[in-house]
């Protein structure tokens, strides 16, 4: 069982930055691919970014490529999402998720075994 807790959300002006963190419980964090998804009101949950369990592969949605960076620190059992040049359309609840031994197919919710509760990101214009 893995528990995920997101933090770092908040209110920021357009063009600003935020860094989200997702802390995982347990001693097997390094064997999980980690993903970030987001869901805006009235919309479906959408993929944002993912990193393979090895850390060697990263994936991004086209809408965030070049602005967001996903990284992981296995010693701290934490995955990060650095978000720069934020836009009002980035406003959503952001969720992290974990997929055991995941290395591909990470852009859809289905492979993920565990999900956090989410953290709100609001970007004002």
Protein backbone atom coordinates (compact mmCIF):
# COMPACT_ATOMS: atom_id res chain seq x y z
CA UNK A 1 0.00 0.00 0.00
CA UNK A 2 1.28 3.45 -0.97
CA UNK A 3 -0.13 6.68 0.36
CA UNK A 4 0.42 9.87 -1.61
CA UNK A 5 0.13 13.39 -0.23
CA UNK A 6 0.35 16.42 -2.51
CA UNK A 7 1.34 19.90 -1.39
CA UNK A 8 2.45 23.19 -2.84
CA UNK A 9 -0.73 24.34 -4.52
CA UNK A 10 -2.08 27.83 -4.16
CA UNK A 11 -3.06 31.04 -5.87
CA UNK A 12 -0.61 32.63 -8.30
CA UNK A 13 -0.79 35.28 -10.98
CA UNK A 14 -0.43 34.41 -14.63
CA UNK A 15 3.24 34.13 -15.53
CA UNK A 16 4.18 32.99 -12.06
CA UNK A 17 5.56 29.70 -10.79
CA UNK A 18 4.66 27.00 -8.31
CA UNK A 19 6.34 23.76 -7.29
CA UNK A 20 4.10 20.89 -6.35
CA UNK A 21 5.37 18.05 -4.21
CA UNK A 22 3.98 14.57 -3.74
CA UNK A 23 5.29 12.63 -0.76
CA UNK A 24 4.88 8.86 -0.79
CA UNK A 25 4.79 6.48 2.14
CA UNK A 26 6.55 3.14 2.14
CA UNK A 27 10.00 1.86 1.24
CA UNK A 28 9.35 0.94 -2.38
CA UNK A 29 8.91 4.40 -3.89
CA UNK A 30 11.83 3.88 -6.26
CA UNK A 31 9.95 1.05 -7.99
CA UNK A 32 7.01 3.26 -8.95
CA UNK A 33 6.52 5.44 -11.97
CA UNK A 34 4.91 8.69 -10.88
CA UNK A 35 2.46 10.83 -12.75
CA UNK A 36 0.71 14.16 -12.36
CA UNK A 37 -2.83 14.66 -13.58
CA UNK A 38 -5.20 17.59 -13.24
CA UNK A 39 -8.92 18.14 -13.28
CA UNK A 40 -10.65 21.45 -13.82
CA UNK A 41 -14.31 22.01 -12.89
CA UNK A 42 -16.64 20.36 -15.38
CA UNK A 43 -13.77 18.67 -17.24
CA UNK A 44 -12.29 15.20 -17.28
CA UNK A 45 -9.06 14.39 -15.52
CA UNK A 46 -6.16 14.96 -17.89
CA UNK A 47 -2.56 13.91 -18.01
CA UNK A 48 0.11 16.51 -17.17
CA UNK A 49 3.45 14.76 -16.74
CA UNK A 50 5.02 11.45 -15.74
CA UNK A 51 8.39 10.01 -14.86
CA UNK A 52 9.35 6.35 -15.17
CA UNK A 53 10.38 4.28 -12.16
CA UNK A 54 14.00 4.50 -13.30
CA UNK A 55 13.76 8.25 -13.67
CA UNK A 56 15.21 7.88 -17.13
CA UNK A 57 12.08 8.76 -19.06
CA UNK A 58 9.80 11.73 -18.68
CA UNK A 59 6.58 12.50 -20.50
CA UNK A 60 4.59 15.70 -20.83
CA UNK A 61 1.27 16.83 -22.20
CA UNK A 62 1.70 19.16 -25.15
CA UNK A 63 -0.06 21.90 -23.21
CA UNK A 64 2.65 22.03 -20.55
CA UNK A 65 5.76 21.03 -22.50
CA UNK A 66 8.51 23.59 -22.02
CA UNK A 67 6.81 25.11 -18.98
CA UNK A 68 6.53 22.23 -16.50
CA UNK A 69 9.24 19.88 -15.27
CA UNK A 70 8.73 16.63 -13.40
CA UNK A 71 11.49 15.20 -11.21
CA UNK A 72 11.89 12.72 -8.40
CA UNK A 73 14.04 12.30 -5.31
CA UNK A 74 13.96 8.66 -4.26
CA UNK A 75 15.87 9.38 -1.05
CA UNK A 76 12.99 11.63 0.01
CA UNK A 77 10.21 9.49 -1.48
CA UNK A 78 9.02 12.59 -3.30
CA UNK A 79 8.10 13.60 -6.82
CA UNK A 80 7.96 17.23 -7.87
CA UNK A 81 6.24 19.25 -10.53
CA UNK A 82 7.88 22.58 -11.22
CA UNK A 83 5.38 24.80 -13.01
CA UNK A 84 6.59 27.96 -14.70
CA UNK A 85 4.87 30.54 -16.90
CA UNK A 86 1.54 29.56 -15.47
CA UNK A 87 -1.62 30.38 -17.38
CA UNK A 88 -5.23 30.72 -16.20
CA UNK A 89 -6.03 27.52 -18.10
CA UNK A 90 -3.65 25.65 -15.77
CA UNK A 91 -6.18 26.20 -12.98
CA UNK A 92 -7.23 22.78 -11.67
CA UNK A 93 -6.89 20.30 -8.87
CA UNK A 94 -3.59 18.50 -9.39
CA UNK A 95 -3.24 14.84 -8.45
CA UNK A 96 -0.19 12.63 -8.24
CA UNK A 97 -0.38 8.92 -8.94
CA UNK A 98 1.88 5.87 -8.67
CA UNK A 99 2.29 2.95 -11.09
CA UNK A 100 4.42 -0.06 -10.03
CA UNK A 101 7.34 -0.59 -12.44
CA UNK A 102 5.76 1.81 -14.89
CA UNK A 103 7.86 2.85 -17.86
CA UNK A 104 5.43 3.43 -20.74
CA UNK A 105 1.76 4.10 -21.28
CA UNK A 106 1.88 6.59 -18.45
CA UNK A 107 -0.26 9.27 -20.08
CA UNK A 108 -3.56 7.65 -19.14
CA UNK A 109 -5.00 7.10 -15.66
CA UNK A 110 -5.55 3.36 -16.07
CA UNK A 111 -2.08 1.99 -15.18
CA UNK A 112 -1.87 3.87 -11.89
CA UNK A 113 -2.46 1.95 -8.71
CA UNK A 114 -2.52 4.75 -6.15
CA UNK A 115 -3.74 8.34 -6.15
CA UNK A 116 -3.36 11.30 -3.86
CA UNK A 117 -6.17 13.56 -2.69
CA UNK A 118 -5.13 16.49 -4.84
CA UNK A 119 -3.97 20.05 -4.36
CA UNK A 120 -5.68 23.12 -5.81
CA UNK A 121 -3.80 25.38 -8.22
CA UNK A 122 -5.47 28.64 -9.18
CA UNK A 123 -3.92 30.99 -11.73
CA UNK A 124 -5.40 34.46 -11.91
CA UNK A 125 -5.28 36.58 -15.04
